[in-house]
């Protein structure tokens, strides 16, 4: 089940229309401007249009990502409470749209220490799940690269957050391939990827793995820097994506591209190029990374005026 993070510009349903064009099985979106704390409530017609297209496409496992402003691990009380309130709105919007999964970065402890930061995340999750008892969206804690004081760069961090939360049945995990490589998990080979997935299963449990972000990395193993690259063109390489794409346990897991939305030198959208690689790997074909050659264009014809002799 492959998808991509797509734009909601011009209307949320536009992401679904683009997903249809790309022949995706799912999609990830922001339900609001991710760079702002507050958004207008979703209009009834926008909700209805979204649900109509999602039902028509048969999208049952749609993913949303919350605002990057939210920090559920914040040691600053005003920011922490503001983050909880903002995240609750994100949960409500997902339920209105029928979105199954809400992905969030656990947050940064900002100097209070990992243990304190994890406790803050647990407390925030307990408040949110208590407030939204009737909600249906699952909260997916995302693995992170570990930049600065960000939590989630260790499987143990996420396991501790889940263990400390009262209502565990609505908690899941999103595994990001770029992030775990940057955090120090060696997935540069098939053997290393299998080992990492086994470690995830032992510490968290594969039954908690609800979403995957398939991104290559511009930065090397253990760099602690989060920079996404196109599939097979970074430090992750194709072996990890081959293992994930061919593992039957992840066949129905939303696997989301979060690579740059740009056009390659050959004039083809990078999403199409990345999806071709992933689909080929899933089908068991031998895929190689080919240089992207700039598309040649025919020289423009000029009409030279005829002059009389």
C-alpha atoms as a PDB file:
ATOM      1  CA  UNK A   1       0.000   0.000   0.000  1.00  0.00           C
ATOM      2  CA  UNK A   2       1.954   2.987  -1.304  1.00  0.00           C
ATOM      3  CA  UNK A   3       1.051   6.629  -0.799  1.00  0.00           C
ATOM      4  CA  UNK A   4       2.579  10.074  -0.735  1.00  0.00           C
ATOM      5  CA  UNK A   5       2.252  13.259   1.291  1.00  0.00           C
ATOM      6  CA  UNK A   6       0.264  15.516  -1.032  1.00  0.00           C
ATOM      7  CA  UNK A   7      -0.851  19.116  -0.976  1.00  0.00           C
ATOM      8  CA  UNK A   8      -4.336  20.228   0.089  1.00  0.00           C
ATOM      9  CA  UNK A   9      -3.946  23.569  -1.694  1.00  0.00           C
ATOM     10  CA  UNK A  10      -7.231  24.650  -3.244  1.00  0.00           C
ATOM     11  CA  UNK A  11      -9.239  22.196  -1.167  1.00  0.00           C
ATOM     12  CA  UNK A  12      -8.474  19.103   0.875  1.00  0.00           C
ATOM     13  CA  UNK A  13     -10.017  16.797  -1.717  1.00  0.00           C
ATOM     14  CA  UNK A  14      -7.363  17.878  -4.247  1.00  0.00           C
ATOM     15  CA  UNK A  15      -4.878  15.621  -2.453  1.00  0.00           C
ATOM     16  CA  UNK A  16      -7.193  12.679  -3.149  1.00  0.00           C
ATOM     17  CA  UNK A  17      -7.509  13.636  -6.821  1.00  0.00           C
ATOM     18  CA  UNK A  18      -3.730  13.800  -7.158  1.00  0.00           C
ATOM     19  CA  UNK A  19      -3.431  10.447  -5.392  1.00  0.00           C
ATOM     20  CA  UNK A  20      -5.817   9.020  -7.973  1.00  0.00           C
ATOM     21  CA  UNK A  21      -3.645  10.379 -10.797  1.00  0.00           C
ATOM     22  CA  UNK A  22      -0.576   8.746  -9.245  1.00  0.00           C
ATOM     23  CA  UNK A  23      -2.513   5.474  -8.798  1.00  0.00           C
ATOM     24  CA  UNK A  24      -1.891   5.473  -5.051  1.00  0.00           C
ATOM     25  CA  UNK A  25      -3.609   3.260  -2.485  1.00  0.00           C
ATOM     26  CA  UNK A  26      -3.528   5.880   0.262  1.00  0.00           C
ATOM     27  CA  UNK A  27      -2.388   9.432   0.963  1.00  0.00           C
ATOM     28  CA  UNK A  28      -0.969  11.592   3.755  1.00  0.00           C
ATOM     29  CA  UNK A  29      -2.025  15.210   4.281  1.00  0.00           C
ATOM     30  CA  UNK A  30      -1.942  18.102   6.682  1.00  0.00           C
ATOM     31  CA  UNK A  31      -5.541  18.874   7.664  1.00  0.00           C
ATOM     32  CA  UNK A  32      -4.607  22.558   8.058  1.00  0.00           C
ATOM     33  CA  UNK A  33      -1.706  24.936   7.496  1.00  0.00           C
ATOM     34  CA  UNK A  34       1.040  23.142   9.422  1.00  0.00           C
ATOM     35  CA  UNK A  35       2.897  26.399  10.114  1.00  0.00           C
ATOM     36  CA  UNK A  36      -0.001  27.960  12.025  1.00  0.00           C
ATOM     37  CA  UNK A  37      -1.474  27.173  15.415  1.00  0.00           C
ATOM     38  CA  UNK A  38      -5.079  28.011  14.564  1.00  0.00           C
ATOM     39  CA  UNK A  39      -7.219  27.172  11.548  1.00  0.00           C
ATOM     40  CA  UNK A  40     -10.794  27.786  10.531  1.00  0.00           C
ATOM     41  CA  UNK A  41     -13.103  24.857  11.317  1.00  0.00           C
ATOM     42  CA  UNK A  42     -13.640  22.470   8.439  1.00  0.00           C
ATOM     43  CA  UNK A  43     -16.696  23.437   6.412  1.00  0.00           C
ATOM     44  CA  UNK A  44     -19.459  20.845   6.053  1.00  0.00           C
ATOM     45  CA  UNK A  45     -19.164  20.849   2.259  1.00  0.00           C
ATOM     46  CA  UNK A  46     -15.374  20.347   2.451  1.00  0.00           C
ATOM     47  CA  UNK A  47     -15.877  17.358   4.755  1.00  0.00           C
ATOM     48  CA  UNK A  48     -18.568  15.898   2.492  1.00  0.00           C
ATOM     49  CA  UNK A  49     -16.436  16.332  -0.654  1.00  0.00           C
ATOM     50  CA  UNK A  50     -13.421  14.735   1.016  1.00  0.00           C
ATOM     51  CA  UNK A  51     -15.441  11.769   2.263  1.00  0.00           C
ATOM     52  CA  UNK A  52     -17.116  11.281  -1.130  1.00  0.00           C
ATOM     53  CA  UNK A  53     -13.778  11.032  -2.939  1.00  0.00           C
ATOM     54  CA  UNK A  54     -12.153   8.909  -0.220  1.00  0.00           C
ATOM     55  CA  UNK A  55     -15.064   6.450  -0.370  1.00  0.00           C
ATOM     56  CA  UNK A  56     -15.010   6.405  -4.177  1.00  0.00           C
ATOM     57  CA  UNK A  57     -11.290   5.578  -4.156  1.00  0.00           C
ATOM     58  CA  UNK A  58     -11.670   3.002  -1.397  1.00  0.00           C
ATOM     59  CA  UNK A  59      -9.131   4.777   0.825  1.00  0.00           C
ATOM     60  CA  UNK A  60      -9.595   3.243   4.279  1.00  0.00           C
ATOM     61  CA  UNK A  61      -6.154   3.944   5.747  1.00  0.00           C
ATOM     62  CA  UNK A  62      -5.563   7.634   5.126  1.00  0.00           C
ATOM     63  CA  UNK A  63      -2.845   9.350   7.170  1.00  0.00           C
ATOM     64  CA  UNK A  64      -2.587  12.897   8.515  1.00  0.00           C
ATOM     65  CA  UNK A  65       0.496  14.604   9.937  1.00  0.00           C
ATOM     66  CA  UNK A  66       0.147  17.166  12.690  1.00  0.00           C
ATOM     67  CA  UNK A  67       1.669  20.643  12.803  1.00  0.00           C
ATOM     68  CA  UNK A  68       5.413  20.867  13.377  1.00  0.00           C
ATOM     69  CA  UNK A  69       4.723  23.602  15.950  1.00  0.00           C
ATOM     70  CA  UNK A  70       3.314  21.069  18.408  1.00  0.00           C
ATOM     71  CA  UNK A  71       5.677  19.872  21.148  1.00  0.00           C
ATOM     72  CA  UNK A  72       4.110  17.391  23.562  1.00  0.00           C
ATOM     73  CA  UNK A  73       7.462  17.035  25.369  1.00  0.00           C
ATOM     74  CA  UNK A  74       7.887  20.758  26.070  1.00  0.00           C
ATOM     75  CA  UNK A  75       9.124  21.696  29.525  1.00  0.00           C
ATOM     76  CA  UNK A  76       7.572  25.157  29.159  1.00  0.00           C
ATOM     77  CA  UNK A  77       4.046  24.901  30.572  1.00  0.00           C
ATOM     78  CA  UNK A  78       2.347  27.444  28.272  1.00  0.00           C
ATOM     79  CA  UNK A  79       3.812  25.761  25.170  1.00  0.00           C
ATOM     80  CA  UNK A  80       2.929  22.310  26.497  1.00  0.00           C
ATOM     81  CA  UNK A  81      -0.710  23.223  27.142  1.00  0.00           C
ATOM     82  CA  UNK A  82      -0.938  25.050  23.815  1.00  0.00           C
ATOM     83  CA  UNK A  83       0.442  21.947  22.092  1.00  0.00           C
ATOM     84  CA  UNK A  84      -2.106  19.694  23.781  1.00  0.00           C
ATOM     85  CA  UNK A  85      -4.985  21.957  22.747  1.00  0.00           C
ATOM     86  CA  UNK A  86      -3.690  22.174  19.169  1.00  0.00           C
ATOM     87  CA  UNK A  87      -3.231  18.420  18.941  1.00  0.00           C
ATOM     88  CA  UNK A  88      -6.769  17.847  20.194  1.00  0.00           C
ATOM     89  CA  UNK A  89      -8.031  19.971  17.292  1.00  0.00           C
ATOM     90  CA  UNK A  90      -5.937  17.850  14.921  1.00  0.00           C
ATOM     91  CA  UNK A  91      -7.585  14.717  16.331  1.00  0.00           C
ATOM     92  CA  UNK A  92     -11.040  16.217  15.916  1.00  0.00           C
ATOM     93  CA  UNK A  93     -10.358  17.188  12.298  1.00  0.00           C
ATOM     94  CA  UNK A  94      -9.160  13.655  11.520  1.00  0.00           C
ATOM     95  CA  UNK A  95     -12.355  12.190  12.991  1.00  0.00           C
ATOM     96  CA  UNK A  96     -14.479  14.602  10.956  1.00  0.00           C
ATOM     97  CA  UNK A  97     -12.705  13.483   7.774  1.00  0.00           C
ATOM     98  CA  UNK A  98     -12.609   9.788   8.673  1.00  0.00           C
ATOM     99  CA  UNK A  99      -8.803   9.751   8.684  1.00  0.00           C
ATOM    100  CA  UNK A 100      -7.450   6.624  10.369  1.00  0.00           C
ATOM    101  CA  UNK A 101      -3.982   7.713  11.536  1.00  0.00           C
ATOM    102  CA  UNK A 102      -2.518  10.944  12.921  1.00  0.00           C
ATOM    103  CA  UNK A 103       1.290  10.977  12.854  1.00  0.00           C
ATOM    104  CA  UNK A 104       3.220  13.172  15.284  1.00  0.00           C
ATOM    105  CA  UNK A 105       6.837  13.715  16.236  1.00  0.00           C
ATOM    106  CA  UNK A 106       7.003  13.020  19.990  1.00  0.00           C
ATOM    107  CA  UNK A 107       8.636  16.388  20.661  1.00  0.00           C
ATOM    108  CA  UNK A 108      11.826  17.891  22.110  1.00  0.00           C
ATOM    109  CA  UNK A 109      12.650  18.027  25.811  1.00  0.00           C
ATOM    110  CA  UNK A 110      14.535  21.323  25.332  1.00  0.00           C
ATOM    111  CA  UNK A 111      17.052  20.618  28.083  1.00  0.00           C
ATOM    112  CA  UNK A 112      14.887  18.978  30.721  1.00  0.00           C
ATOM    113  CA  UNK A 113      16.346  15.549  29.903  1.00  0.00           C
ATOM    114  CA  UNK A 114      15.010  12.463  28.120  1.00  0.00           C
ATOM    115  CA  UNK A 115      13.224  10.996  31.149  1.00  0.00           C
ATOM    116  CA  UNK A 116      11.404  14.240  31.901  1.00  0.00           C
ATOM    117  CA  UNK A 117      10.532  14.727  28.222  1.00  0.00           C
ATOM    118  CA  UNK A 118       9.106  11.214  27.956  1.00  0.00           C
ATOM    119  CA  UNK A 119       7.013  11.824  31.083  1.00  0.00           C
ATOM    120  CA  UNK A 120       5.641  15.021  29.535  1.00  0.00           C
ATOM    121  CA  UNK A 121       4.653  13.142  26.364  1.00  0.00           C
ATOM    122  CA  UNK A 122       2.942  10.443  28.449  1.00  0.00           C
ATOM    123  CA  UNK A 123       1.041  13.034  30.465  1.00  0.00           C
ATOM    124  CA  UNK A 124      -0.030  14.840  27.286  1.00  0.00           C
ATOM    125  CA  UNK A 125      -1.214  11.622  25.632  1.00  0.00           C
ATOM    126  CA  UNK A 126      -3.221  10.667  28.700  1.00  0.00           C
ATOM    127  CA  UNK A 127      -4.927  14.074  28.731  1.00  0.00           C
ATOM    128  CA  UNK A 128      -5.685  13.887  24.994  1.00  0.00           C
ATOM    129  CA  UNK A 129      -7.039  10.346  25.012  1.00  0.00           C
ATOM    130  CA  UNK A 130      -9.155  11.124  28.063  1.00  0.00           C
ATOM    131  CA  UNK A 131     -10.614  14.223  26.390  1.00  0.00           C
ATOM    132  CA  UNK A 132     -11.245  12.351  23.152  1.00  0.00           C
ATOM    133  CA  UNK A 133     -12.654   9.107  24.524  1.00  0.00           C
ATOM    134  CA  UNK A 134     -15.196   8.876  21.707  1.00  0.00           C
ATOM    135  CA  UNK A 135     -12.611   9.612  19.014  1.00  0.00           C
ATOM    136  CA  UNK A 136     -11.465   7.017  16.514  1.00  0.00           C
ATOM    137  CA  UNK A 137      -8.204   8.298  15.042  1.00  0.00           C
ATOM    138  CA  UNK A 138      -5.069   6.432  16.142  1.00  0.00           C
ATOM    139  CA  UNK A 139      -2.089   8.490  17.302  1.00  0.00           C
ATOM    140  CA  UNK A 140       1.113   7.351  15.590  1.00  0.00           C
ATOM    141  CA  UNK A 141       4.335   8.322  17.361  1.00  0.00           C
ATOM    142  CA  UNK A 142       7.000   8.796  14.710  1.00  0.00           C
ATOM    143  CA  UNK A 143      10.609   7.671  14.893  1.00  0.00           C
ATOM    144  CA  UNK A 144      12.916  10.696  14.637  1.00  0.00           C
ATOM    145  CA  UNK A 145      16.489  11.430  13.582  1.00  0.00           C
ATOM    146  CA  UNK A 146      17.375  12.758  17.034  1.00  0.00           C
ATOM    147  CA  UNK A 147      18.278  16.305  16.069  1.00  0.00           C
ATOM    148  CA  UNK A 148      18.913  18.527  19.074  1.00  0.00           C
ATOM    149  CA  UNK A 149      16.837  17.289  22.012  1.00  0.00           C
ATOM    150  CA  UNK A 150      14.166  15.557  19.919  1.00  0.00           C
ATOM    151  CA  UNK A 151      12.778  12.363  21.419  1.00  0.00           C
ATOM    152  CA  UNK A 152      11.868   9.291  19.373  1.00  0.00           C
ATOM    153  CA  UNK A 153      15.311   8.517  17.963  1.00  0.00           C
ATOM    154  CA  UNK A 154      15.353   5.330  20.013  1.00  0.00           C
ATOM    155  CA  UNK A 155      12.764   2.544  19.866  1.00  0.00           C
ATOM    156  CA  UNK A 156      13.033   2.518  23.665  1.00  0.00           C
ATOM    157  CA  UNK A 157      11.715   6.093  23.800  1.00  0.00           C
ATOM    158  CA  UNK A 158       8.552   5.149  21.938  1.00  0.00           C
ATOM    159  CA  UNK A 159       8.094   1.927  23.914  1.00  0.00           C
ATOM    160  CA  UNK A 160       8.284   3.908  27.176  1.00  0.00           C
ATOM    161  CA  UNK A 161       5.709   6.439  25.938  1.00  0.00           C
ATOM    162  CA  UNK A 162       3.281   3.680  24.979  1.00  0.00           C
ATOM    163  CA  UNK A 163       3.875   1.758  28.221  1.00  0.00           C
ATOM    164  CA  UNK A 164       3.104   4.825  30.334  1.00  0.00           C
ATOM    165  CA  UNK A 165      -0.127   5.717  28.555  1.00  0.00           C
ATOM    166  CA  UNK A 166      -3.415   4.503  30.001  1.00  0.00           C
ATOM    167  CA  UNK A 167      -5.409   3.979  26.797  1.00  0.00           C
ATOM    168  CA  UNK A 168      -2.913   2.057  24.683  1.00  0.00           C
ATOM    169  CA  UNK A 169      -5.288   0.694  22.055  1.00  0.00           C
ATOM    170  CA  UNK A 170      -5.273   4.012  20.156  1.00  0.00           C
ATOM    171  CA  UNK A 171      -1.476   4.355  20.130  1.00  0.00           C
ATOM    172  CA  UNK A 172       0.697   3.182  17.254  1.00  0.00           C
ATOM    173  CA  UNK A 173       4.066   3.946  15.655  1.00  0.00           C
ATOM    174  CA  UNK A 174       5.184   5.425  12.344  1.00  0.00           C
ATOM    175  CA  UNK A 175       8.631   4.223  11.231  1.00  0.00           C
ATOM    176  CA  UNK A 176      10.580   6.633   9.009  1.00  0.00           C
ATOM    177  CA  UNK A 177      13.482   5.056   7.101  1.00  0.00           C
ATOM    178  CA  UNK A 178      15.446   8.303   6.787  1.00  0.00           C
ATOM    179  CA  UNK A 179      15.029   9.057  10.476  1.00  0.00           C
ATOM    180  CA  UNK A 180      16.078   5.674  11.823  1.00  0.00           C
ATOM    181  CA  UNK A 181      19.191   5.632   9.636  1.00  0.00           C
ATOM    182  CA  UNK A 182      20.144   9.105  10.863  1.00  0.00           C
ATOM    183  CA  UNK A 183      19.444   7.970  14.421  1.00  0.00           C
ATOM    184  CA  UNK A 184      21.971   5.143  14.076  1.00  0.00           C
ATOM    185  CA  UNK A 185      19.967   2.080  12.990  1.00  0.00           C
ATOM    186  CA  UNK A 186      21.968   0.478  10.165  1.00  0.00           C
ATOM    187  CA  UNK A 187      19.494  -0.328   7.380  1.00  0.00           C
ATOM    188  CA  UNK A 188      22.017   0.049   4.556  1.00  0.00           C
ATOM    189  CA  UNK A 189      21.892  -3.708   3.843  1.00  0.00           C
ATOM    190  CA  UNK A 190      19.127  -6.301   3.690  1.00  0.00           C
ATOM    191  CA  UNK A 191      20.606  -8.062   6.728  1.00  0.00           C
ATOM    192  CA  UNK A 192      20.780  -4.793   8.657  1.00  0.00           C
ATOM    193  CA  UNK A 193      17.182  -3.975   7.778  1.00  0.00           C
ATOM    194  CA  UNK A 194      15.973  -7.372   8.958  1.00  0.00           C
ATOM    195  CA  UNK A 195      17.943  -6.936  12.192  1.00  0.00           C
ATOM    196  CA  UNK A 196      16.452  -3.477  12.758  1.00  0.00           C
ATOM    197  CA  UNK A 197      12.895  -4.704  12.152  1.00  0.00           C
ATOM    198  CA  UNK A 198      13.518  -7.586  14.564  1.00  0.00           C
ATOM    199  CA  UNK A 199      14.727  -5.078  17.155  1.00  0.00           C
ATOM    200  CA  UNK A 200      11.628  -2.955  16.596  1.00  0.00           C
ATOM    201  CA  UNK A 201       9.465  -6.051  17.069  1.00  0.00           C
ATOM    202  CA  UNK A 202      11.267  -6.992  20.285  1.00  0.00           C
ATOM    203  CA  UNK A 203      11.103  -3.517  21.853  1.00  0.00           C
ATOM    204  CA  UNK A 204       7.809  -2.118  20.543  1.00  0.00           C
ATOM    205  CA  UNK A 205       6.085  -4.891  18.609  1.00  0.00           C
ATOM    206  CA  UNK A 206       5.281  -4.976  14.904  1.00  0.00           C
ATOM    207  CA  UNK A 207       1.613  -5.022  15.846  1.00  0.00           C
ATOM    208  CA  UNK A 208       2.088  -1.341  16.763  1.00  0.00           C
ATOM    209  CA  UNK A 209       3.592  -0.432  13.368  1.00  0.00           C
ATOM    210  CA  UNK A 210       0.671   1.313  11.634  1.00  0.00           C
ATOM    211  CA  UNK A 211       2.431   3.636   9.152  1.00  0.00           C
ATOM    212  CA  UNK A 212       5.790   3.795   7.402  1.00  0.00           C
ATOM    213  CA  UNK A 213       7.476   6.823   5.852  1.00  0.00           C
ATOM    214  CA  UNK A 214       9.677   5.718   2.967  1.00  0.00           C
ATOM    215  CA  UNK A 215      12.413   8.295   2.524  1.00  0.00           C
ATOM    216  CA  UNK A 216      16.064   8.007   1.624  1.00  0.00           C
ATOM    217  CA  UNK A 217      18.555  10.171   3.515  1.00  0.00           C
ATOM    218  CA  UNK A 218      20.874  12.936   2.359  1.00  0.00           C
ATOM    219  CA  UNK A 219      22.900  12.417   5.549  1.00  0.00           C
ATOM    220  CA  UNK A 220      24.831   9.288   6.604  1.00  0.00           C
ATOM    221  CA  UNK A 221      24.190   6.665   9.265  1.00  0.00           C
ATOM    222  CA  UNK A 222      24.172   8.147  12.766  1.00  0.00           C
ATOM    223  CA  UNK A 223      24.319  11.756  11.578  1.00  0.00           C
ATOM    224  CA  UNK A 224      21.297  12.773  13.709  1.00  0.00           C
ATOM    225  CA  UNK A 225      20.283  15.091  10.856  1.00  0.00           C
ATOM    226  CA  UNK A 226      16.883  14.814   9.177  1.00  0.00           C
ATOM    227  CA  UNK A 227      17.218  15.431   5.421  1.00  0.00           C
ATOM    228  CA  UNK A 228      15.049  13.375   3.073  1.00  0.00           C
ATOM    229  CA  UNK A 229      16.284  12.182  -0.317  1.00  0.00           C
ATOM    230  CA  UNK A 230      14.686  10.336  -3.222  1.00  0.00           C
ATOM    231  CA  UNK A 231      14.441   6.554  -3.070  1.00  0.00           C
ATOM    232  CA  UNK A 232      17.780   4.824  -3.647  1.00  0.00           C
ATOM    233  CA  UNK A 233      19.691   8.068  -4.156  1.00  0.00           C
ATOM    234  CA  UNK A 234      20.825   8.647  -0.591  1.00  0.00           C
ATOM    235  CA  UNK A 235      22.590   6.849   2.243  1.00  0.00           C
ATOM    236  CA  UNK A 236      19.783   4.344   2.856  1.00  0.00           C
ATOM    237  CA  UNK A 237      20.004   2.782  -0.603  1.00  0.00           C
ATOM    238  CA  UNK A 238      17.694   0.245  -2.240  1.00  0.00           C
ATOM    239  CA  UNK A 239      18.196  -2.827   0.027  1.00  0.00           C
ATOM    240  CA  UNK A 240      16.048  -1.477   2.887  1.00  0.00           C
ATOM    241  CA  UNK A 241      13.237  -0.518   0.535  1.00  0.00           C
ATOM    242  CA  UNK A 242      13.403  -3.950  -1.100  1.00  0.00           C
ATOM    243  CA  UNK A 243      12.988  -5.675   2.265  1.00  0.00           C
ATOM    244  CA  UNK A 244      10.070  -3.461   3.285  1.00  0.00           C
ATOM    245  CA  UNK A 245       8.320  -3.576  -0.099  1.00  0.00           C
ATOM    246  CA  UNK A 246       8.506  -7.377  -0.285  1.00  0.00           C
ATOM    247  CA  UNK A 247       7.612  -8.176   3.334  1.00  0.00           C
ATOM    248  CA  UNK A 248       4.029  -9.566   3.372  1.00  0.00           C
ATOM    249  CA  UNK A 249       3.561  -8.252   6.919  1.00  0.00           C
ATOM    250  CA  UNK A 250       3.585  -4.698   5.523  1.00  0.00           C
ATOM    251  CA  UNK A 251       1.415  -5.297   2.451  1.00  0.00           C
ATOM    252  CA  UNK A 252      -1.542  -3.412   3.971  1.00  0.00           C
ATOM    253  CA  UNK A 253       0.559  -0.891   5.911  1.00  0.00           C
ATOM    254  CA  UNK A 254       0.410   2.656   4.498  1.00  0.00           C
ATOM    255  CA  UNK A 255       3.886   3.345   3.134  1.00  0.00           C
ATOM    256  CA  UNK A 256       4.162   7.073   2.518  1.00  0.00           C
ATOM    257  CA  UNK A 257       6.659   8.998   0.408  1.00  0.00           C
ATOM    258  CA  UNK A 258       7.750  12.287   1.951  1.00  0.00           C
ATOM    259  CA  UNK A 259      10.294  13.182  -0.702  1.00  0.00           C
ATOM    260  CA  UNK A 260      10.531  16.581  -2.392  1.00  0.00           C
ATOM    261  CA  UNK A 261       7.651  17.426  -4.728  1.00  0.00           C
ATOM    262  CA  UNK A 262       9.645  18.572  -7.690  1.00  0.00           C
ATOM    263  CA  UNK A 263      10.269  17.700 -11.292  1.00  0.00           C
ATOM    264  CA  UNK A 264      13.328  15.654 -12.244  1.00  0.00           C
ATOM    265  CA  UNK A 265      15.684  16.895 -14.987  1.00  0.00           C
ATOM    266  CA  UNK A 266      13.953  14.552 -17.465  1.00  0.00           C
ATOM    267  CA  UNK A 267      10.676  16.394 -16.895  1.00  0.00           C
ATOM    268  CA  UNK A 268       9.080  13.577 -14.879  1.00  0.00           C
ATOM    269  CA  UNK A 269       7.673  14.182 -11.373  1.00  0.00           C
ATOM    270  CA  UNK A 270       9.909  12.647  -8.717  1.00  0.00           C
ATOM    271  CA  UNK A 271       6.894  10.984  -7.089  1.00  0.00           C
ATOM    272  CA  UNK A 272       6.398   8.943 -10.257  1.00  0.00           C
ATOM    273  CA  UNK A 273      10.079   7.950 -10.351  1.00  0.00           C
ATOM    274  CA  UNK A 274      10.116   6.963  -6.678  1.00  0.00           C
ATOM    275  CA  UNK A 275       6.860   5.017  -6.991  1.00  0.00           C
ATOM    276  CA  UNK A 276       8.132   3.117 -10.042  1.00  0.00           C
ATOM    277  CA  UNK A 277      11.112   1.955  -8.009  1.00  0.00           C
ATOM    278  CA  UNK A 278       9.018   0.916  -5.005  1.00  0.00           C
ATOM    279  CA  UNK A 279       6.439  -0.898  -7.112  1.00  0.00           C
ATOM    280  CA  UNK A 280       9.171  -2.689  -9.025  1.00  0.00           C
ATOM    281  CA  UNK A 281      10.792  -3.835  -5.785  1.00  0.00           C
ATOM    282  CA  UNK A 282       7.420  -5.003  -4.438  1.00  0.00           C
ATOM    283  CA  UNK A 283       6.925  -7.090  -7.593  1.00  0.00           C
ATOM    284  CA  UNK A 284      10.328  -8.722  -7.142  1.00  0.00           C
ATOM    285  CA  UNK A 285      11.938  -7.051 -10.126  1.00  0.00           C
ATOM    286  CA  UNK A 286      15.617  -6.096 -10.088  1.00  0.00           C
ATOM    287  CA  UNK A 287      15.673  -2.332  -9.845  1.00  0.00           C
ATOM    288  CA  UNK A 288      18.690  -0.137 -10.400  1.00  0.00           C
ATOM    289  CA  UNK A 289      19.301   3.549  -9.899  1.00  0.00           C
ATOM    290  CA  UNK A 290      19.807   5.222 -13.229  1.00  0.00           C
ATOM    291  CA  UNK A 291      21.107   8.740 -13.742  1.00  0.00           C
ATOM    292  CA  UNK A 292      18.312  11.170 -14.511  1.00  0.00           C
ATOM    293  CA  UNK A 293      19.234  12.684 -17.859  1.00  0.00           C
ATOM    294  CA  UNK A 294      17.959  16.091 -18.761  1.00  0.00           C
ATOM    295  CA  UNK A 295      15.205  15.915 -21.321  1.00  0.00           C
ATOM    296  CA  UNK A 296      16.369  17.267 -24.651  1.00  0.00           C
ATOM    297  CA  UNK A 297      14.094  19.703 -26.372  1.00  0.00           C
ATOM    298  CA  UNK A 298      14.069  20.385 -30.076  1.00  0.00           C
ATOM    299  CA  UNK A 299      15.468  23.770 -31.025  1.00  0.00           C
ATOM    300  CA  UNK A 300      12.813  26.339 -31.613  1.00  0.00           C
ATOM    301  CA  UNK A 301      11.987  26.945 -35.231  1.00  0.00           C
ATOM    302  CA  UNK A 302      12.471  30.437 -36.520  1.00  0.00           C
ATOM    303  CA  UNK A 303      10.712  32.008 -39.452  1.00  0.00           C
ATOM    304  CA  UNK A 304      13.215  34.050 -41.365  1.00  0.00           C
ATOM    305  CA  UNK A 305      11.650  36.750 -43.447  1.00  0.00           C
ATOM    306  CA  UNK A 306      12.422  36.370 -47.130  1.00  0.00           C
ATOM    307  CA  UNK A 307      14.013  39.366 -48.740  1.00  0.00           C
ATOM    308  CA  UNK A 308      13.731  40.225 -52.380  1.00  0.00           C
ATOM    309  CA  UNK A 309      16.942  40.459 -54.303  1.00  0.00           C
END
